[in-house]
Amino acid sequence: MTNNIKNKNGGFGILKLIIFIIIVIFLMNYFHITISGIINWFGTMLHNIF
């Protein structure tokens, strides 16, 4: 009985992670955000701070 519950929780965690990644990718596409865009944004932020 306890093994079944453990396995379900583990699978659910992976499922949530996959859904989270899909949502992030969808939002990035929706707002036209790219990884390089984020890096450039961080670069300008750091450049402005220092």
PDB file of N, CA and C in Angstrom:
ATOM      1  N   MET A   1       0.837  -1.206   0.000  1.00  0.00           N
ATOM      2  CA  MET A   1       0.000   0.000   0.000  1.00  0.00           C
ATOM      3  C   MET A   1       0.877   1.264   0.000  1.00  0.00           C
ATOM      4  N   THR A   2       1.880   1.299   0.883  1.00  0.00           N
ATOM      5  CA  THR A   2       2.724   2.496   0.957  1.00  0.00           C
ATOM      6  C   THR A   2       3.530   2.668  -0.321  1.00  0.00           C
ATOM      7  N   ASN A   3       3.950   1.568  -0.955  1.00  0.00           N
ATOM      8  CA  ASN A   3       4.720   1.654  -2.196  1.00  0.00           C
ATOM      9  C   ASN A   3       3.913   2.343  -3.290  1.00  0.00           C
ATOM     10  N   ASN A   4       2.631   2.005  -3.408  1.00  0.00           N
ATOM     11  CA  ASN A   4       1.779   2.619  -4.434  1.00  0.00           C
ATOM     12  C   ASN A   4       1.714   4.131  -4.242  1.00  0.00           C
ATOM     13  N   ILE A   5       1.545   4.571  -3.012  1.00  0.00           N
ATOM     14  CA  ILE A   5       1.439   6.009  -2.730  1.00  0.00           C
ATOM     15  C   ILE A   5       2.751   6.701  -3.099  1.00  0.00           C
ATOM     16  N   LYS A   6       3.880   6.084  -2.721  1.00  0.00           N
ATOM     17  CA  LYS A   6       5.193   6.666  -3.030  1.00  0.00           C
ATOM     18  C   LYS A   6       5.362   6.831  -4.538  1.00  0.00           C
ATOM     19  N   ASN A   7       5.048   5.796  -5.292  1.00  0.00           N
ATOM     20  CA  ASN A   7       5.214   5.843  -6.747  1.00  0.00           C
ATOM     21  C   ASN A   7       4.331   6.922  -7.355  1.00  0.00           C
ATOM     22  N   LYS A   8       3.098   7.031  -6.872  1.00  0.00           N
ATOM     23  CA  LYS A   8       2.184   8.054  -7.405  1.00  0.00           C
ATOM     24  C   LYS A   8       2.752   9.449  -7.151  1.00  0.00           C
ATOM     25  N   ASN A   9       3.263   9.685  -5.953  1.00  0.00           N
ATOM     26  CA  ASN A   9       3.832  10.998  -5.630  1.00  0.00           C
ATOM     27  C   ASN A   9       5.022  11.305  -6.525  1.00  0.00           C
ATOM     28  N   GLY A  10       5.903  10.319  -6.737  1.00  0.00           N
ATOM     29  CA  GLY A  10       7.071  10.519  -7.586  1.00  0.00           C
ATOM     30  C   GLY A  10       6.653  10.859  -9.002  1.00  0.00           C
ATOM     31  N   GLY A  11       5.694  10.114  -9.547  1.00  0.00           N
ATOM     32  CA  GLY A  11       5.210  10.371 -10.902  1.00  0.00           C
ATOM     33  C   GLY A  11       4.562  11.737 -10.999  1.00  0.00           C
ATOM     34  N   PHE A  12       3.812  12.104  -9.962  1.00  0.00           N
ATOM     35  CA  PHE A  12       3.124  13.394  -9.970  1.00  0.00           C
ATOM     36  C   PHE A  12       4.133  14.538  -9.966  1.00  0.00           C
ATOM     37  N   GLY A  13       5.236  14.374  -9.224  1.00  0.00           N
ATOM     38  CA  GLY A  13       6.269  15.405  -9.178  1.00  0.00           C
ATOM     39  C   GLY A  13       6.876  15.625 -10.556  1.00  0.00           C
ATOM     40  N   ILE A  14       7.166  14.515 -11.258  1.00  0.00           N
ATOM     41  CA  ILE A  14       7.735  14.611 -12.607  1.00  0.00           C
ATOM     42  C   ILE A  14       6.718  15.255 -13.543  1.00  0.00           C
ATOM     43  N   LEU A  15       5.458  14.860 -13.403  1.00  0.00           N
ATOM     44  CA  LEU A  15       4.395  15.412 -14.256  1.00  0.00           C
ATOM     45  C   LEU A  15       4.280  16.918 -14.045  1.00  0.00           C
ATOM     46  N   LYS A  16       4.307  17.345 -12.770  1.00  0.00           N
ATOM     47  CA  LYS A  16       4.233  18.780 -12.475  1.00  0.00           C
ATOM     48  C   LYS A  16       5.411  19.517 -13.086  1.00  0.00           C
ATOM     49  N   LEU A  17       6.607  18.900 -13.013  1.00  0.00           N
ATOM     50  CA  LEU A  17       7.809  19.520 -13.577  1.00  0.00           C
ATOM     51  C   LEU A  17       7.665  19.697 -15.084  1.00  0.00           C
ATOM     52  N   ILE A  18       7.163  18.661 -15.762  1.00  0.00           N
ATOM     53  CA  ILE A  18       6.977  18.725 -17.220  1.00  0.00           C
ATOM     54  C   ILE A  18       5.967  19.815 -17.565  1.00  0.00           C
ATOM     55  N   ILE A  19       4.854  19.866 -16.826  1.00  0.00           N
ATOM     56  CA  ILE A  19       3.822  20.881 -17.083  1.00  0.00           C
ATOM     57  C   ILE A  19       4.408  22.276 -16.865  1.00  0.00           C
ATOM     58  N   PHE A  20       5.204  22.428 -15.797  1.00  0.00           N
ATOM     59  CA  PHE A  20       5.830  23.721 -15.498  1.00  0.00           C
ATOM     60  C   PHE A  20       6.738  24.158 -16.642  1.00  0.00           C
ATOM     61  N   ILE A  21       7.552  23.207 -17.152  1.00  0.00           N
ATOM     62  CA  ILE A  21       8.469  23.528 -18.256  1.00  0.00           C
ATOM     63  C   ILE A  21       7.678  23.934 -19.493  1.00  0.00           C
ATOM     64  N   ILE A  22       6.587  23.204 -19.778  1.00  0.00           N
ATOM     65  CA  ILE A  22       5.763  23.517 -20.956  1.00  0.00           C
ATOM     66  C   ILE A  22       5.180  24.923 -20.817  1.00  0.00           C
ATOM     67  N   ILE A  23       4.689  25.258 -19.616  1.00  0.00           N
ATOM     68  CA  ILE A  23       4.105  26.585 -19.387  1.00  0.00           C
ATOM     69  C   ILE A  23       5.164  27.668 -19.586  1.00  0.00           C
ATOM     70  N   VAL A  24       6.378  27.424 -19.056  1.00  0.00           N
ATOM     71  CA  VAL A  24       7.460  28.413 -19.195  1.00  0.00           C
ATOM     72  C   VAL A  24       7.794  28.624 -20.668  1.00  0.00           C
ATOM     73  N   ILE A  25       7.931  27.513 -21.415  1.00  0.00           N
ATOM     74  CA  ILE A  25       8.251  27.616 -22.847  1.00  0.00           C
ATOM     75  C   ILE A  25       7.128  28.352 -23.576  1.00  0.00           C
ATOM     76  N   PHE A  26       5.872  28.030 -23.228  1.00  0.00           N
ATOM     77  CA  PHE A  26       4.729  28.687 -23.864  1.00  0.00           C
ATOM     78  C   PHE A  26       4.753  30.190 -23.591  1.00  0.00           C
ATOM     79  N   LEU A  27       5.005  30.567 -22.334  1.00  0.00           N
ATOM     80  CA  LEU A  27       5.049  31.991 -21.981  1.00  0.00           C
ATOM     81  C   LEU A  27       6.195  32.691 -22.693  1.00  0.00           C
ATOM     82  N   MET A  28       7.354  32.024 -22.781  1.00  0.00           N
ATOM     83  CA  MET A  28       8.501  32.618 -23.461  1.00  0.00           C
ATOM     84  C   MET A  28       8.178  32.858 -24.930  1.00  0.00           C
ATOM     85  N   ASN A  29       7.508  31.894 -25.562  1.00  0.00           N
ATOM     86  CA  ASN A  29       7.123  32.064 -26.968  1.00  0.00           C
ATOM     87  C   ASN A  29       6.076  33.165 -27.095  1.00  0.00           C
ATOM     88  N   TYR A  30       5.133  33.207 -26.139  1.00  0.00           N
ATOM     89  CA  TYR A  30       4.032  34.167 -26.195  1.00  0.00           C
ATOM     90  C   TYR A  30       4.557  35.598 -26.087  1.00  0.00           C
ATOM     91  N   PHE A  31       5.509  35.802 -25.176  1.00  0.00           N
ATOM     92  CA  PHE A  31       6.060  37.149 -24.979  1.00  0.00           C
ATOM     93  C   PHE A  31       7.309  37.385 -25.822  1.00  0.00           C
ATOM     94  N   HIS A  32       7.624  36.426 -26.713  1.00  0.00           N
ATOM     95  CA  HIS A  32       8.793  36.535 -27.604  1.00  0.00           C
ATOM     96  C   HIS A  32      10.079  36.734 -26.798  1.00  0.00           C
ATOM     97  N   ILE A  33      10.202  35.984 -25.705  1.00  0.00           N
ATOM     98  CA  ILE A  33      11.406  36.050 -24.873  1.00  0.00           C
ATOM     99  C   ILE A  33      12.310  34.888 -25.279  1.00  0.00           C
ATOM    100  N   THR A  34      13.576  35.177 -25.514  1.00  0.00           N
ATOM    101  CA  THR A  34      14.534  34.118 -25.816  1.00  0.00           C
ATOM    102  C   THR A  34      15.577  34.076 -24.705  1.00  0.00           C
ATOM    103  N   ILE A  35      16.322  32.982 -24.656  1.00  0.00           N
ATOM    104  CA  ILE A  35      17.361  32.853 -23.623  1.00  0.00           C
ATOM    105  C   ILE A  35      18.378  33.978 -23.801  1.00  0.00           C
ATOM    106  N   SER A  36      18.771  34.259 -25.053  1.00  0.00           N
ATOM    107  CA  SER A  36      19.744  35.329 -25.300  1.00  0.00           C
ATOM    108  C   SER A  36      19.162  36.673 -24.877  1.00  0.00           C
ATOM    109  N   GLY A  37      17.855  36.853 -25.068  1.00  0.00           N
ATOM    110  CA  GLY A  37      17.203  38.087 -24.639  1.00  0.00           C
ATOM    111  C   GLY A  37      17.284  38.255 -23.132  1.00  0.00           C
ATOM    112  N   ILE A  38      17.073  37.155 -22.405  1.00  0.00           N
ATOM    113  CA  ILE A  38      17.160  37.202 -20.943  1.00  0.00           C
ATOM    114  C   ILE A  38      18.593  37.521 -20.527  1.00  0.00           C
ATOM    115  N   ILE A  39      19.566  36.874 -21.179  1.00  0.00           N
ATOM    116  CA  ILE A  39      20.986  37.110 -20.856  1.00  0.00           C
ATOM    117  C   ILE A  39      21.343  38.567 -21.134  1.00  0.00           C
ATOM    118  N   ASN A  40      20.886  39.097 -22.273  1.00  0.00           N
ATOM    119  CA  ASN A  40      21.151  40.504 -22.611  1.00  0.00           C
ATOM    120  C   ASN A  40      20.533  41.423 -21.565  1.00  0.00           C
ATOM    121  N   TRP A  41      19.302  41.075 -21.124  1.00  0.00           N
ATOM    122  CA  TRP A  41      18.609  41.888 -20.128  1.00  0.00           C
ATOM    123  C   TRP A  41      19.396  41.911 -18.826  1.00  0.00           C
ATOM    124  N   PHE A  42      19.854  40.708 -18.398  1.00  0.00           N
ATOM    125  CA  PHE A  42      20.667  40.635 -17.181  1.00  0.00           C
ATOM    126  C   PHE A  42      21.955  41.433 -17.353  1.00  0.00           C
ATOM    127  N   GLY A  43      22.558  41.336 -18.541  1.00  0.00           N
ATOM    128  CA  GLY A  43      23.795  42.067 -18.814  1.00  0.00           C
ATOM    129  C   GLY A  43      23.595  43.564 -18.679  1.00  0.00           C
ATOM    130  N   THR A  44      22.513  44.088 -19.239  1.00  0.00           N
ATOM    131  CA  THR A  44      22.256  45.531 -19.150  1.00  0.00           C
ATOM    132  C   THR A  44      21.954  45.922 -17.706  1.00  0.00           C
ATOM    133  N   MET A  45      21.220  45.058 -16.984  1.00  0.00           N
ATOM    134  CA  MET A  45      20.909  45.343 -15.581  1.00  0.00           C
ATOM    135  C   MET A  45      22.199  45.456 -14.777  1.00  0.00           C
ATOM    136  N   LEU A  46      23.092  44.454 -14.947  1.00  0.00           N
ATOM    137  CA  LEU A  46      24.361  44.467 -14.213  1.00  0.00           C
ATOM    138  C   LEU A  46      25.200  45.668 -14.630  1.00  0.00           C
ATOM    139  N   HIS A  47      25.185  45.981 -15.914  1.00  0.00           N
ATOM    140  CA  HIS A  47      25.967  47.114 -16.426  1.00  0.00           C
ATOM    141  C   HIS A  47      25.467  48.425 -15.800  1.00  0.00           C
ATOM    142  N   ASN A  48      24.148  48.547 -15.657  1.00  0.00           N
ATOM    143  CA  ASN A  48      23.578  49.764 -15.067  1.00  0.00           C
ATOM    144  C   ASN A  48      23.901  49.859 -13.580  1.00  0.00           C
ATOM    145  N   ILE A  49      23.928  48.695 -12.892  1.00  0.00           N
ATOM    146  CA  ILE A  49      24.176  48.710 -11.443  1.00  0.00           C
ATOM    147  C   ILE A  49      25.619  49.108 -11.164  1.00  0.00           C
ATOM    148  N   PHE A  50      26.566  48.498 -11.904  1.00  0.00           N
ATOM    149  CA  PHE A  50      27.985  48.750 -11.620  1.00  0.00           C
ATOM    150  C   PHE A  50      28.481  49.937 -12.433  1.00  0.00           C
TER     151      PHE A  50
END
